[in-house]
Structures are given as structure tokens and as C-alpha cells.
Amino acid sequence: QRPDDKMSKSLESPKGTINLLDEPTQIEKKIKSAVTDNDAEVRYDVGAKPGVSNLLSILGAA
């Protein structure tokens, strides 16, 4: 998985998509298995930290 790639409707894996009708346990599993960056700093920087930035965007939309 590449967090800096744009989402595509043609992807085979359902792991990269959180659907509105997903069970809470499914959503939790998808979030926990999301690709992030390899350092401990949490900050929004799409260029340097695309994985963490993606998760922060999801959190901000919740």
C-alpha cells in the first residue's frame, strides 16, 4: 500500500477503503493496519509524512 497514491475505484483490495456500512470492528481493523511513517512524530505534512497525514485527514472528517 502506498499512502501517497490517489484512491482508485478499480483497486482489488477492500482493505484500503472505509465504507459507510462497514462494521465498527472492520473500520478499526483497517485503521490499525494502515501504512504510516517510520518515525514517532505525529504532524500533518503530506509531502514528508503521507501515511500519518492521510490518517489525520480521516480523523478530521470523523
N, C-alpha and C. Protein backbone atom coordinates (compact mmCIF):
# COMPACT_ATOMS: atom_id res chain seq x y z
N GLN A 1 0.83 -1.17 0.00
CA GLN A 1 0.00 0.00 0.00
C GLN A 1 0.87 1.23 0.00
N ARG A 2 0.43 2.22 -0.75
CA ARG A 2 1.17 3.48 -0.84
C ARG A 2 0.24 4.61 -0.44
N PRO A 3 0.44 5.21 0.73
CA PRO A 3 -0.46 6.26 1.20
C PRO A 3 -0.44 7.52 0.36
N ASP A 4 0.59 7.70 -0.47
CA ASP A 4 0.66 8.90 -1.29
C ASP A 4 -0.04 8.74 -2.64
N ASP A 5 -0.52 7.54 -2.96
CA ASP A 5 -1.26 7.33 -4.21
C ASP A 5 -2.70 7.77 -4.04
N LYS A 6 -3.27 8.27 -5.13
CA LYS A 6 -4.67 8.67 -5.12
C LYS A 6 -5.55 7.43 -5.04
N MET A 7 -6.69 7.53 -4.37
CA MET A 7 -7.59 6.39 -4.27
C MET A 7 -8.13 6.04 -5.65
N SER A 8 -8.31 4.76 -5.88
CA SER A 8 -8.83 4.28 -7.14
C SER A 8 -10.00 3.35 -6.90
N LYS A 9 -11.05 3.48 -7.70
CA LYS A 9 -12.21 2.60 -7.57
C LYS A 9 -11.91 1.22 -8.14
N SER A 10 -10.84 1.09 -8.89
CA SER A 10 -10.54 -0.18 -9.54
C SER A 10 -9.61 -1.08 -8.72
N LEU A 11 -9.22 -0.65 -7.52
CA LEU A 11 -8.35 -1.48 -6.70
C LEU A 11 -9.07 -2.74 -6.26
N GLU A 12 -8.35 -3.84 -6.24
CA GLU A 12 -8.93 -5.12 -5.87
C GLU A 12 -9.12 -5.26 -4.36
N SER A 13 -8.22 -4.72 -3.57
CA SER A 13 -8.24 -4.93 -2.13
C SER A 13 -9.24 -4.01 -1.44
N PRO A 14 -10.17 -4.56 -0.66
CA PRO A 14 -11.11 -3.72 0.09
C PRO A 14 -10.48 -3.12 1.35
N LYS A 15 -9.23 -3.50 1.67
CA LYS A 15 -8.58 -3.01 2.88
C LYS A 15 -8.30 -1.51 2.83
N GLY A 16 -8.17 -0.95 1.64
CA GLY A 16 -7.83 0.45 1.50
C GLY A 16 -9.01 1.39 1.47
N THR A 17 -10.21 0.86 1.73
CA THR A 17 -11.42 1.67 1.67
C THR A 17 -12.24 1.48 2.93
N ILE A 18 -12.66 2.58 3.53
CA ILE A 18 -13.59 2.51 4.66
C ILE A 18 -14.96 2.87 4.11
N ASN A 19 -15.86 1.90 4.15
CA ASN A 19 -17.21 2.09 3.63
C ASN A 19 -18.15 2.56 4.73
N LEU A 20 -19.17 3.30 4.36
CA LEU A 20 -20.13 3.81 5.34
C LEU A 20 -20.84 2.70 6.09
N LEU A 21 -21.04 1.56 5.45
CA LEU A 21 -21.76 0.46 6.08
C LEU A 21 -20.84 -0.58 6.72
N ASP A 22 -19.55 -0.32 6.78
CA ASP A 22 -18.63 -1.23 7.46
C ASP A 22 -18.97 -1.30 8.95
N GLU A 23 -18.80 -2.49 9.51
CA GLU A 23 -18.97 -2.66 10.95
C GLU A 23 -17.84 -1.93 11.68
N PRO A 24 -18.10 -1.43 12.88
CA PRO A 24 -17.04 -0.75 13.63
C PRO A 24 -15.77 -1.58 13.79
N THR A 25 -15.91 -2.89 13.95
CA THR A 25 -14.72 -3.74 14.09
C THR A 25 -13.92 -3.79 12.79
N GLN A 26 -14.62 -3.75 11.65
CA GLN A 26 -13.93 -3.72 10.35
C GLN A 26 -13.16 -2.41 10.19
N ILE A 27 -13.80 -1.31 10.55
CA ILE A 27 -13.16 0.00 10.44
C ILE A 27 -11.93 0.07 11.33
N GLU A 28 -12.06 -0.41 12.55
CA GLU A 28 -10.93 -0.41 13.49
C GLU A 28 -9.77 -1.22 12.92
N LYS A 29 -10.05 -2.37 12.36
CA LYS A 29 -9.00 -3.22 11.79
C LYS A 29 -8.31 -2.53 10.62
N LYS A 30 -9.08 -1.85 9.77
CA LYS A 30 -8.50 -1.15 8.62
C LYS A 30 -7.60 0.00 9.08
N ILE A 31 -8.05 0.76 10.07
CA ILE A 31 -7.25 1.88 10.58
C ILE A 31 -5.96 1.37 11.22
N LYS A 32 -6.06 0.31 12.02
CA LYS A 32 -4.88 -0.22 12.70
C LYS A 32 -3.86 -0.81 11.74
N SER A 33 -4.30 -1.26 10.57
CA SER A 33 -3.36 -1.85 9.61
C SER A 33 -2.91 -0.84 8.55
N ALA A 34 -3.29 0.42 8.72
CA ALA A 34 -2.92 1.45 7.74
C ALA A 34 -1.41 1.68 7.73
N VAL A 35 -0.91 1.97 6.55
CA VAL A 35 0.51 2.27 6.39
C VAL A 35 0.78 3.67 6.92
N THR A 36 1.78 3.78 7.80
CA THR A 36 2.18 5.09 8.32
C THR A 36 3.66 5.29 8.06
N ASP A 37 4.23 6.26 8.71
CA ASP A 37 5.64 6.58 8.51
C ASP A 37 6.49 5.89 9.58
N ASN A 38 7.80 5.95 9.42
CA ASN A 38 8.67 5.17 10.30
C ASN A 38 9.27 5.97 11.46
N ASP A 39 8.72 7.13 11.78
CA ASP A 39 9.21 7.83 12.97
C ASP A 39 8.04 8.09 13.92
N ALA A 40 8.34 8.56 15.11
CA ALA A 40 7.33 8.69 16.15
C ALA A 40 6.60 10.03 16.14
N GLU A 41 7.04 10.97 15.33
CA GLU A 41 6.44 12.31 15.32
C GLU A 41 5.12 12.29 14.55
N VAL A 42 4.08 12.85 15.16
CA VAL A 42 2.78 12.95 14.51
C VAL A 42 2.56 14.40 14.11
N ARG A 43 2.55 14.66 12.81
CA ARG A 43 2.27 16.00 12.29
C ARG A 43 1.73 15.88 10.88
N TYR A 44 0.94 16.86 10.46
CA TYR A 44 0.35 16.85 9.13
C TYR A 44 1.34 17.47 8.16
N ASP A 45 1.90 16.65 7.28
CA ASP A 45 2.82 17.10 6.23
C ASP A 45 2.72 16.08 5.10
N VAL A 46 1.86 16.38 4.12
CA VAL A 46 1.58 15.43 3.05
C VAL A 46 2.83 15.03 2.29
N GLY A 47 3.74 15.96 2.08
CA GLY A 47 4.95 15.66 1.33
C GLY A 47 5.92 14.76 2.07
N ALA A 48 6.11 15.02 3.36
CA ALA A 48 7.10 14.27 4.14
C ALA A 48 6.50 13.09 4.90
N LYS A 49 5.21 13.17 5.24
CA LYS A 49 4.58 12.14 6.06
C LYS A 49 3.20 11.79 5.49
N PRO A 50 3.15 11.19 4.30
CA PRO A 50 1.85 10.94 3.66
C PRO A 50 0.96 9.97 4.44
N GLY A 51 1.55 8.96 5.08
CA GLY A 51 0.75 7.99 5.82
C GLY A 51 0.05 8.60 7.01
N VAL A 52 0.79 9.33 7.84
CA VAL A 52 0.22 9.98 9.01
C VAL A 52 -0.76 11.07 8.58
N SER A 53 -0.42 11.82 7.54
CA SER A 53 -1.30 12.89 7.07
C SER A 53 -2.64 12.32 6.60
N ASN A 54 -2.61 11.17 5.94
CA ASN A 54 -3.83 10.53 5.50
C ASN A 54 -4.71 10.15 6.69
N LEU A 55 -4.11 9.55 7.72
CA LEU A 55 -4.88 9.18 8.90
C LEU A 55 -5.41 10.41 9.63
N LEU A 56 -4.64 11.49 9.67
CA LEU A 56 -5.12 12.72 10.31
C LEU A 56 -6.29 13.32 9.53
N SER A 57 -6.28 13.20 8.21
CA SER A 57 -7.40 13.67 7.39
C SER A 57 -8.66 12.86 7.69
N ILE A 58 -8.50 11.55 7.83
CA ILE A 58 -9.65 10.70 8.16
C ILE A 58 -10.19 11.07 9.54
N LEU A 59 -9.31 11.27 10.50
CA LEU A 59 -9.73 11.66 11.85
C LEU A 59 -10.45 13.00 11.83
N GLY A 60 -9.94 13.94 11.04
CA GLY A 60 -10.56 15.26 10.95
C GLY A 60 -11.94 15.23 10.33
N ALA A 61 -12.20 14.25 9.48
CA ALA A 61 -13.50 14.14 8.83
C ALA A 61 -14.52 13.41 9.70
N ALA A 62 -14.03 12.76 10.75
CA ALA A 62 -14.94 11.94 11.59
C ALA A 62 -15.79 12.81 12.49
